[in-house]
Amino acid sequence: MDKIENFIKRVQKTQRGFLDIQKAADEVFAEYTSTESLSLAKKLFASEVYQSRSLATFILGRLASNSSESLSFLKAHVSKDHDWRVQEILAKAFDRFCADVGYKDALPVIKEWLEDSNPNVRRAVTEGLRIWTGRPYFREHPGVAIQLLSQYRDDESEYVRKSVGNALRDISKKHQELVKDEICTWDITNKQVKQTHKLASKFLQKTRG
């Protein structure tokens, strides 16, 4: 238990940002076995201290590519955390999983998470992979990223729609025509779609102006 308490005391000092928390996770991953790291992460996640749960999330992200239990824990438990800062780390953890397995090979899991009923799970994907076309595979296949994101233009969660719109806006900086061709087909009489469209077209509007 001293080990857990020491980690919590360390990361609790972090009041802004997450770099030291991520560093602590890297140290755990390097020092302990996968089984030990997973056990440690679960204990850390049980803490009321959000920094401790953030540390657990980083550790789980490091383990996820070789541990289906870790990936499932992220999806089933971390996604339900009430703290927005933990949700930000969840997005980073999911991107770490994708990077470790390869973005192309991660496509089935990306699609699975995007189809989840929990908006935090969907948003972990849309936000975690930003900038999408800066990631391997999507860099060479921007159209795939645009199509995956565009399916959620009318997502019931404003949280997700904002992430989708901003992600498409990011992509439009290098792939203006592809994004323009996609969003020009949207029905912006739908208020939810209109909100996403406004975000996605922001850079395009500035370019035309």
C-alpha atoms as a PDB file:
ATOM      1  CA  MET A   1       0.000   0.000   0.000  1.00  0.00           C
ATOM      2  CA  ASP A   2       2.947   2.325   0.630  1.00  0.00           C
ATOM      3  CA  LYS A   3       3.754   2.037  -3.054  1.00  0.00           C
ATOM      4  CA  ILE A   4       0.270   3.244  -4.006  1.00  0.00           C
ATOM      5  CA  GLU A   5       0.339   6.045  -1.467  1.00  0.00           C
ATOM      6  CA  ASN A   6       3.738   7.229  -2.675  1.00  0.00           C
ATOM      7  CA  PHE A   7       2.539   7.375  -6.271  1.00  0.00           C
ATOM      8  CA  ILE A   8      -0.586   9.274  -5.238  1.00  0.00           C
ATOM      9  CA  LYS A   9       1.427  11.778  -3.211  1.00  0.00           C
ATOM     10  CA  ARG A  10       3.758  12.320  -6.142  1.00  0.00           C
ATOM     11  CA  VAL A  11       1.151  12.911  -8.823  1.00  0.00           C
ATOM     12  CA  GLN A  12      -1.098  14.914  -6.521  1.00  0.00           C
ATOM     13  CA  LYS A  13       1.508  17.668  -6.704  1.00  0.00           C
ATOM     14  CA  THR A  14       0.612  18.142 -10.372  1.00  0.00           C
ATOM     15  CA  GLN A  15      -2.036  20.847 -10.511  1.00  0.00           C
ATOM     16  CA  ARG A  16      -1.660  21.849 -14.147  1.00  0.00           C
ATOM     17  CA  GLY A  17      -0.856  19.761 -17.164  1.00  0.00           C
ATOM     18  CA  PHE A  18      -0.014  16.086 -17.099  1.00  0.00           C
ATOM     19  CA  LEU A  19       3.654  15.646 -18.040  1.00  0.00           C
ATOM     20  CA  ASP A  20       4.868  14.457 -14.633  1.00  0.00           C
ATOM     21  CA  ILE A  21       1.904  12.098 -14.381  1.00  0.00           C
ATOM     22  CA  GLN A  22       2.800  10.670 -17.783  1.00  0.00           C
ATOM     23  CA  LYS A  23       6.436  10.372 -16.680  1.00  0.00           C
ATOM     24  CA  ALA A  24       5.347   8.435 -13.595  1.00  0.00           C
ATOM     25  CA  ALA A  25       3.351   6.072 -15.818  1.00  0.00           C
ATOM     26  CA  ASP A  26       6.392   5.504 -18.033  1.00  0.00           C
ATOM     27  CA  GLU A  27       8.426   4.663 -14.939  1.00  0.00           C
ATOM     28  CA  VAL A  28       5.832   2.142 -13.780  1.00  0.00           C
ATOM     29  CA  PHE A  29       5.763   0.546 -17.223  1.00  0.00           C
ATOM     30  CA  ALA A  30       9.567   0.264 -17.252  1.00  0.00           C
ATOM     31  CA  GLU A  31       9.955  -1.018 -13.689  1.00  0.00           C
ATOM     32  CA  TYR A  32       7.101  -3.473 -13.266  1.00  0.00           C
ATOM     33  CA  THR A  33       5.794  -6.437 -15.217  1.00  0.00           C
ATOM     34  CA  SER A  34       2.594  -6.051 -17.215  1.00  0.00           C
ATOM     35  CA  THR A  35       0.656  -8.019 -14.610  1.00  0.00           C
ATOM     36  CA  GLU A  36       2.027  -5.877 -11.791  1.00  0.00           C
ATOM     37  CA  SER A  37       1.386  -2.670 -13.739  1.00  0.00           C
ATOM     38  CA  LEU A  38      -2.231  -3.640 -14.405  1.00  0.00           C
ATOM     39  CA  SER A  39      -2.811  -4.462 -10.750  1.00  0.00           C
ATOM     40  CA  LEU A  40      -1.219  -1.172  -9.734  1.00  0.00           C
ATOM     41  CA  ALA A  41      -3.335   0.758 -12.243  1.00  0.00           C
ATOM     42  CA  LYS A  42      -6.561  -0.738 -10.901  1.00  0.00           C
ATOM     43  CA  LYS A  43      -5.641   0.235  -7.346  1.00  0.00           C
ATOM     44  CA  LEU A  44      -4.672   3.739  -8.413  1.00  0.00           C
ATOM     45  CA  PHE A  45      -7.946   4.131 -10.294  1.00  0.00           C
ATOM     46  CA  ALA A  46      -9.894   3.379  -7.114  1.00  0.00           C
ATOM     47  CA  SER A  47      -8.546   6.589  -5.558  1.00  0.00           C
ATOM     48  CA  GLU A  48     -10.667   9.695  -5.102  1.00  0.00           C
ATOM     49  CA  VAL A  49      -7.681  11.752  -6.274  1.00  0.00           C
ATOM     50  CA  TYR A  50      -8.136  12.565  -9.954  1.00  0.00           C
ATOM     51  CA  GLN A  51      -4.380  12.684 -10.556  1.00  0.00           C
ATOM     52  CA  SER A  52      -4.151   9.098  -9.334  1.00  0.00           C
ATOM     53  CA  ARG A  53      -6.890   8.023 -11.724  1.00  0.00           C
ATOM     54  CA  SER A  54      -5.109   9.925 -14.488  1.00  0.00           C
ATOM     55  CA  LEU A  55      -1.917   8.021 -13.717  1.00  0.00           C
ATOM     56  CA  ALA A  56      -3.858   4.757 -13.851  1.00  0.00           C
ATOM     57  CA  THR A  57      -5.265   5.752 -17.226  1.00  0.00           C
ATOM     58  CA  PHE A  58      -1.826   6.490 -18.639  1.00  0.00           C
ATOM     59  CA  ILE A  59      -0.565   3.117 -17.392  1.00  0.00           C
ATOM     60  CA  LEU A  60      -3.525   1.308 -18.938  1.00  0.00           C
ATOM     61  CA  GLY A  61      -2.858   3.080 -22.235  1.00  0.00           C
ATOM     62  CA  ARG A  62       0.723   1.791 -22.185  1.00  0.00           C
ATOM     63  CA  LEU A  63      -0.514  -1.744 -21.520  1.00  0.00           C
ATOM     64  CA  ALA A  64      -3.504  -1.791 -23.876  1.00  0.00           C
ATOM     65  CA  SER A  65      -1.783  -2.936 -27.059  1.00  0.00           C
ATOM     66  CA  ASN A  66      -0.793  -6.215 -25.392  1.00  0.00           C
ATOM     67  CA  SER A  67      -3.547  -6.474 -22.810  1.00  0.00           C
ATOM     68  CA  SER A  68      -7.179  -6.794 -23.807  1.00  0.00           C
ATOM     69  CA  GLU A  69      -8.070  -6.470 -20.126  1.00  0.00           C
ATOM     70  CA  SER A  70      -6.419  -3.059 -19.977  1.00  0.00           C
ATOM     71  CA  LEU A  71      -8.191  -1.880 -23.129  1.00  0.00           C
ATOM     72  CA  SER A  72     -11.511  -3.149 -21.788  1.00  0.00           C
ATOM     73  CA  PHE A  73     -10.917  -1.380 -18.467  1.00  0.00           C
ATOM     74  CA  LEU A  74     -10.357   1.893 -20.288  1.00  0.00           C
ATOM     75  CA  LYS A  75     -13.585   1.485 -22.197  1.00  0.00           C
ATOM     76  CA  ALA A  76     -15.772   0.111 -19.424  1.00  0.00           C
ATOM     77  CA  HIS A  77     -14.520   2.010 -16.388  1.00  0.00           C
ATOM     78  CA  VAL A  78     -12.300   4.970 -17.217  1.00  0.00           C
ATOM     79  CA  SER A  79     -14.880   6.279 -19.697  1.00  0.00           C
ATOM     80  CA  LYS A  80     -17.346   6.610 -16.810  1.00  0.00           C
ATOM     81  CA  ASP A  81     -15.071   8.760 -14.684  1.00  0.00           C
ATOM     82  CA  HIS A  82     -16.722  12.036 -13.701  1.00  0.00           C
ATOM     83  CA  ASP A  83     -13.612  14.212 -14.042  1.00  0.00           C
ATOM     84  CA  TRP A  84     -13.004  15.862 -17.417  1.00  0.00           C
ATOM     85  CA  ARG A  85      -9.249  15.742 -16.859  1.00  0.00           C
ATOM     86  CA  VAL A  86      -9.360  11.966 -16.674  1.00  0.00           C
ATOM     87  CA  GLN A  87     -11.346  11.947 -19.916  1.00  0.00           C
ATOM     88  CA  GLU A  88      -8.595  13.981 -21.563  1.00  0.00           C
ATOM     89  CA  ILE A  89      -6.080  11.337 -20.498  1.00  0.00           C
ATOM     90  CA  LEU A  90      -8.413   8.607 -21.776  1.00  0.00           C
ATOM     91  CA  ALA A  91      -8.184  10.183 -25.228  1.00  0.00           C
ATOM     92  CA  LYS A  92      -4.390  10.151 -24.989  1.00  0.00           C
ATOM     93  CA  ALA A  93      -4.413   6.557 -23.766  1.00  0.00           C
ATOM     94  CA  PHE A  94      -6.535   5.460 -26.701  1.00  0.00           C
ATOM     95  CA  ASP A  95      -4.195   7.180 -29.138  1.00  0.00           C
ATOM     96  CA  ARG A  96      -1.267   5.435 -27.453  1.00  0.00           C
ATOM     97  CA  PHE A  97      -2.999   2.093 -28.033  1.00  0.00           C
ATOM     98  CA  CYS A  98      -3.532   2.939 -31.709  1.00  0.00           C
ATOM     99  CA  ALA A  99       0.062   4.061 -32.143  1.00  0.00           C
ATOM    100  CA  ASP A 100       1.405   0.905 -30.512  1.00  0.00           C
ATOM    101  CA  VAL A 101      -0.652  -1.524 -32.608  1.00  0.00           C
ATOM    102  CA  GLY A 102      -0.554   0.651 -35.744  1.00  0.00           C
ATOM    103  CA  TYR A 103      -3.400   2.912 -36.818  1.00  0.00           C
ATOM    104  CA  LYS A 104      -4.422   0.701 -39.731  1.00  0.00           C
ATOM    105  CA  ASP A 105      -4.530  -2.399 -37.544  1.00  0.00           C
ATOM    106  CA  ALA A 106      -6.404  -0.426 -34.902  1.00  0.00           C
ATOM    107  CA  LEU A 107      -9.251   0.423 -37.317  1.00  0.00           C
ATOM    108  CA  PRO A 108     -11.617  -2.314 -36.032  1.00  0.00           C
ATOM    109  CA  VAL A 109     -11.206  -1.024 -32.463  1.00  0.00           C
ATOM    110  CA  ILE A 110     -11.499   2.584 -33.608  1.00  0.00           C
ATOM    111  CA  LYS A 111     -14.829   1.747 -35.261  1.00  0.00           C
ATOM    112  CA  GLU A 112     -15.975  -0.264 -32.249  1.00  0.00           C
ATOM    113  CA  TRP A 113     -15.312   2.622 -29.876  1.00  0.00           C
ATOM    114  CA  LEU A 114     -16.950   5.113 -32.227  1.00  0.00           C
ATOM    115  CA  GLU A 115     -20.104   2.992 -32.156  1.00  0.00           C
ATOM    116  CA  ASP A 116     -20.242   2.821 -28.365  1.00  0.00           C
ATOM    117  CA  SER A 117     -23.275   4.250 -26.567  1.00  0.00           C
ATOM    118  CA  ASN A 118     -21.105   6.193 -24.102  1.00  0.00           C
ATOM    119  CA  PRO A 119     -20.172   9.610 -25.548  1.00  0.00           C
ATOM    120  CA  ASN A 120     -16.930   9.594 -23.567  1.00  0.00           C
ATOM    121  CA  VAL A 121     -15.845   6.481 -25.455  1.00  0.00           C
ATOM    122  CA  ARG A 122     -16.698   8.040 -28.822  1.00  0.00           C
ATOM    123  CA  ARG A 123     -14.974  11.268 -27.902  1.00  0.00           C
ATOM    124  CA  ALA A 124     -11.843   9.421 -26.776  1.00  0.00           C
ATOM    125  CA  VAL A 125     -11.431   8.427 -30.429  1.00  0.00           C
ATOM    126  CA  THR A 126     -12.388  11.678 -32.157  1.00  0.00           C
ATOM    127  CA  GLU A 127     -10.261  13.732 -29.775  1.00  0.00           C
ATOM    128  CA  GLY A 128      -7.460  11.266 -29.098  1.00  0.00           C
ATOM    129  CA  LEU A 129      -6.427  10.895 -32.730  1.00  0.00           C
ATOM    130  CA  ARG A 130      -6.208  14.633 -33.422  1.00  0.00           C
ATOM    131  CA  ILE A 131      -4.630  15.717 -35.615  1.00  0.00           C
ATOM    132  CA  TRP A 132      -5.901  12.659 -37.482  1.00  0.00           C
ATOM    133  CA  THR A 133      -3.977  13.243 -40.676  1.00  0.00           C
ATOM    134  CA  GLY A 134      -0.806  13.697 -38.659  1.00  0.00           C
ATOM    135  CA  ARG A 135      -1.051  10.014 -37.687  1.00  0.00           C
ATOM    136  CA  PRO A 136       0.426   7.195 -39.771  1.00  0.00           C
ATOM    137  CA  TYR A 137      -2.073   5.573 -42.153  1.00  0.00           C
ATOM    138  CA  PHE A 138      -4.468   8.513 -41.938  1.00  0.00           C
ATOM    139  CA  ARG A 139      -1.699  10.755 -43.242  1.00  0.00           C
ATOM    140  CA  GLU A 140      -1.785   8.701 -46.438  1.00  0.00           C
ATOM    141  CA  HIS A 141      -5.548   8.107 -46.310  1.00  0.00           C
ATOM    142  CA  PRO A 142      -7.144  11.399 -45.235  1.00  0.00           C
ATOM    143  CA  GLY A 143     -10.430  10.395 -46.845  1.00  0.00           C
ATOM    144  CA  VAL A 144     -10.795   7.510 -44.405  1.00  0.00           C
ATOM    145  CA  ALA A 145     -10.379   9.868 -41.448  1.00  0.00           C
ATOM    146  CA  ILE A 146     -12.902  12.309 -42.905  1.00  0.00           C
ATOM    147  CA  GLN A 147     -15.494   9.582 -43.476  1.00  0.00           C
ATOM    148  CA  LEU A 148     -15.060   8.114 -40.007  1.00  0.00           C
ATOM    149  CA  LEU A 149     -15.493  11.501 -38.367  1.00  0.00           C
ATOM    150  CA  SER A 150     -18.312  12.711 -40.598  1.00  0.00           C
ATOM    151  CA  GLN A 151     -20.577   9.879 -39.522  1.00  0.00           C
ATOM    152  CA  TYR A 152     -20.848  11.641 -36.157  1.00  0.00           C
ATOM    153  CA  ARG A 153     -21.728  15.110 -37.423  1.00  0.00           C
ATOM    154  CA  ASP A 154     -25.175  14.789 -35.800  1.00  0.00           C
ATOM    155  CA  ASP A 155     -24.060  12.903 -32.702  1.00  0.00           C
ATOM    156  CA  GLU A 156     -26.496  13.283 -29.821  1.00  0.00           C
ATOM    157  CA  SER A 157     -23.644  14.562 -27.642  1.00  0.00           C
ATOM    158  CA  GLU A 158     -22.543  18.164 -28.145  1.00  0.00           C
ATOM    159  CA  TYR A 159     -19.262  17.115 -26.520  1.00  0.00           C
ATOM    160  CA  VAL A 160     -18.660  14.669 -29.373  1.00  0.00           C
ATOM    161  CA  ARG A 161     -19.932  17.000 -32.116  1.00  0.00           C
ATOM    162  CA  LYS A 162     -17.502  19.715 -31.070  1.00  0.00           C
ATOM    163  CA  SER A 163     -14.642  17.247 -31.160  1.00  0.00           C
ATOM    164  CA  VAL A 164     -15.700  16.015 -34.608  1.00  0.00           C
ATOM    165  CA  GLY A 165     -16.027  19.538 -35.987  1.00  0.00           C
ATOM    166  CA  ASN A 166     -12.661  20.593 -34.617  1.00  0.00           C
ATOM    167  CA  ALA A 167     -10.995  17.439 -35.923  1.00  0.00           C
ATOM    168  CA  LEU A 168     -12.346  18.067 -39.414  1.00  0.00           C
ATOM    169  CA  ARG A 169     -11.230  21.681 -39.186  1.00  0.00           C
ATOM    170  CA  ASP A 170      -7.719  20.452 -38.371  1.00  0.00           C
ATOM    171  CA  ILE A 171      -7.752  18.171 -41.407  1.00  0.00           C
ATOM    172  CA  SER A 172      -8.974  20.975 -43.659  1.00  0.00           C
ATOM    173  CA  LYS A 173      -5.723  22.873 -43.159  1.00  0.00           C
ATOM    174  CA  LYS A 174      -3.969  20.411 -45.474  1.00  0.00           C
ATOM    175  CA  HIS A 175      -6.928  18.807 -47.239  1.00  0.00           C
ATOM    176  CA  GLN A 176      -9.295  21.674 -47.926  1.00  0.00           C
ATOM    177  CA  GLU A 177     -10.995  20.199 -50.968  1.00  0.00           C
ATOM    178  CA  LEU A 178     -11.618  16.818 -49.352  1.00  0.00           C
ATOM    179  CA  VAL A 179     -13.254  18.370 -46.318  1.00  0.00           C
ATOM    180  CA  LYS A 180     -15.206  20.862 -48.422  1.00  0.00           C
ATOM    181  CA  ASP A 181     -16.496  18.099 -50.696  1.00  0.00           C
ATOM    182  CA  GLU A 182     -17.708  16.176 -47.654  1.00  0.00           C
ATOM    183  CA  ILE A 183     -19.374  18.916 -45.651  1.00  0.00           C
ATOM    184  CA  CYS A 184     -21.094  20.490 -48.660  1.00  0.00           C
ATOM    185  CA  THR A 185     -23.314  17.386 -48.727  1.00  0.00           C
ATOM    186  CA  TRP A 186     -24.519  17.867 -45.156  1.00  0.00           C
ATOM    187  CA  ASP A 187     -28.040  18.926 -44.280  1.00  0.00           C
ATOM    188  CA  ILE A 188     -27.404  22.015 -42.200  1.00  0.00           C
ATOM    189  CA  THR A 189     -31.115  22.544 -41.546  1.00  0.00           C
ATOM    190  CA  ASN A 190     -30.422  20.006 -38.814  1.00  0.00           C
ATOM    191  CA  LYS A 191     -29.236  22.071 -35.827  1.00  0.00           C
ATOM    192  CA  GLN A 192     -26.793  19.438 -34.648  1.00  0.00           C
ATOM    193  CA  VAL A 193     -25.243  19.090 -38.084  1.00  0.00           C
ATOM    194  CA  LYS A 194     -25.113  22.859 -38.444  1.00  0.00           C
ATOM    195  CA  GLN A 195     -23.059  23.167 -35.272  1.00  0.00           C
ATOM    196  CA  THR A 196     -20.521  20.602 -36.491  1.00  0.00           C
ATOM    197  CA  HIS A 197     -20.477  22.208 -39.940  1.00  0.00           C
ATOM    198  CA  LYS A 198     -19.699  25.606 -38.473  1.00  0.00           C
ATOM    199  CA  LEU A 199     -16.666  24.241 -36.676  1.00  0.00           C
ATOM    200  CA  ALA A 200     -15.486  22.072 -39.566  1.00  0.00           C
ATOM    201  CA  SER A 201     -15.721  24.892 -42.121  1.00  0.00           C
ATOM    202  CA  LYS A 202     -14.072  27.593 -40.019  1.00  0.00           C
ATOM    203  CA  PHE A 203     -10.711  27.421 -41.782  1.00  0.00           C
ATOM    204  CA  LEU A 204     -12.356  27.042 -45.188  1.00  0.00           C
ATOM    205  CA  GLN A 205     -14.393  30.190 -44.587  1.00  0.00           C
ATOM    206  CA  LYS A 206     -11.269  32.124 -43.637  1.00  0.00           C
ATOM    207  CA  THR A 207      -9.510  30.865 -46.748  1.00  0.00           C
ATOM    208  CA  ARG A 208     -12.330  32.001 -49.013  1.00  0.00           C
ATOM    209  CA  GLY A 209     -12.526  35.315 -47.211  1.00  0.00           C
END
